[in-house]
C-alpha cells in the first residue's frame, strides 16, 4: 500500500465513524467530506463507495 492510499483509508475510516453517529449529532455527507479534505462531495462519495459501499443505506449512514 502506498502512503497516499494509507492516508485515504484513514480519512475514509474517520468519515465512516462520523456518518455513523446518532441521528441528532450526525453531520451531512457534504460536511464530512469537506472536514476531511475531500475536493468535493462527489469525489468523496466515489471514494467512500469504493471502500464501503454507499455513504447512506436506506436513509441510514454507516
Protein backbone atom coordinates (compact mmCIF):
# COMPACT_ATOMS: atom_id res chain seq x y z
CA UNK A 1 0.00 0.00 0.00
CA UNK A 2 1.22 3.47 -0.81
CA UNK A 3 1.42 6.28 1.73
CA UNK A 4 -1.34 8.09 -0.15
CA UNK A 5 -3.54 5.01 -0.03
CA UNK A 6 -2.94 4.60 3.70
CA UNK A 7 -3.86 8.25 4.33
CA UNK A 8 -7.01 7.96 2.20
CA UNK A 9 -8.06 4.80 4.06
CA UNK A 10 -7.60 6.53 7.43
CA UNK A 11 -9.58 9.59 6.31
CA UNK A 12 -12.40 7.42 4.95
CA UNK A 13 -12.47 5.48 8.22
CA UNK A 14 -12.88 8.71 10.19
CA UNK A 15 -15.65 9.79 7.80
CA UNK A 16 -17.40 6.45 8.26
CA UNK A 17 -17.31 6.89 12.02
CA UNK A 18 -18.75 10.42 11.78
CA UNK A 19 -21.53 9.26 9.49
CA UNK A 20 -22.43 6.54 11.98
CA UNK A 21 -23.19 8.95 14.82
CA UNK A 22 -26.65 9.03 16.39
CA UNK A 23 -29.17 10.92 14.26
CA UNK A 24 -29.14 14.24 16.14
CA UNK A 25 -25.35 14.58 16.11
CA UNK A 26 -24.84 13.29 12.56
CA UNK A 27 -23.48 15.84 10.06
CA UNK A 28 -24.31 15.82 6.36
CA UNK A 29 -22.22 13.79 3.92
CA UNK A 30 -21.03 17.03 2.29
CA UNK A 31 -19.92 18.48 5.65
CA UNK A 32 -17.96 15.34 6.49
CA UNK A 33 -16.32 15.33 3.06
CA UNK A 34 -15.24 18.94 3.46
CA UNK A 35 -13.99 18.48 7.03
CA UNK A 36 -11.74 15.59 5.98
CA UNK A 37 -10.27 17.40 2.98
CA UNK A 38 -12.09 15.82 0.06
CA UNK A 39 -12.24 18.04 -3.00
CA UNK A 40 -15.98 17.70 -3.48
CA UNK A 41 -18.90 15.66 -2.14
CA UNK A 42 -18.95 13.73 -5.43
CA UNK A 43 -15.26 12.83 -5.10
CA UNK A 44 -15.85 11.76 -1.51
CA UNK A 45 -18.87 9.65 -2.47
CA UNK A 46 -16.90 7.80 -5.14
CA UNK A 47 -14.01 7.09 -2.75
CA UNK A 48 -16.35 6.08 0.08
CA UNK A 49 -18.44 3.85 -2.18
CA UNK A 50 -15.30 2.10 -3.42
CA UNK A 51 -14.23 1.41 0.18
CA UNK A 52 -17.53 0.74 1.99
CA UNK A 53 -20.48 0.98 -0.35
CA UNK A 54 -22.95 3.85 -0.39
CA UNK A 55 -22.49 6.58 2.26
CA UNK A 56 -26.19 6.20 3.08
CA UNK A 57 -28.12 2.94 3.01
CA UNK A 58 -31.92 3.27 3.21
CA UNK A 59 -31.55 6.73 4.72
CA UNK A 60 -29.22 5.40 7.39
CA UNK A 61 -25.50 6.10 7.31
CA UNK A 62 -22.79 3.64 8.12
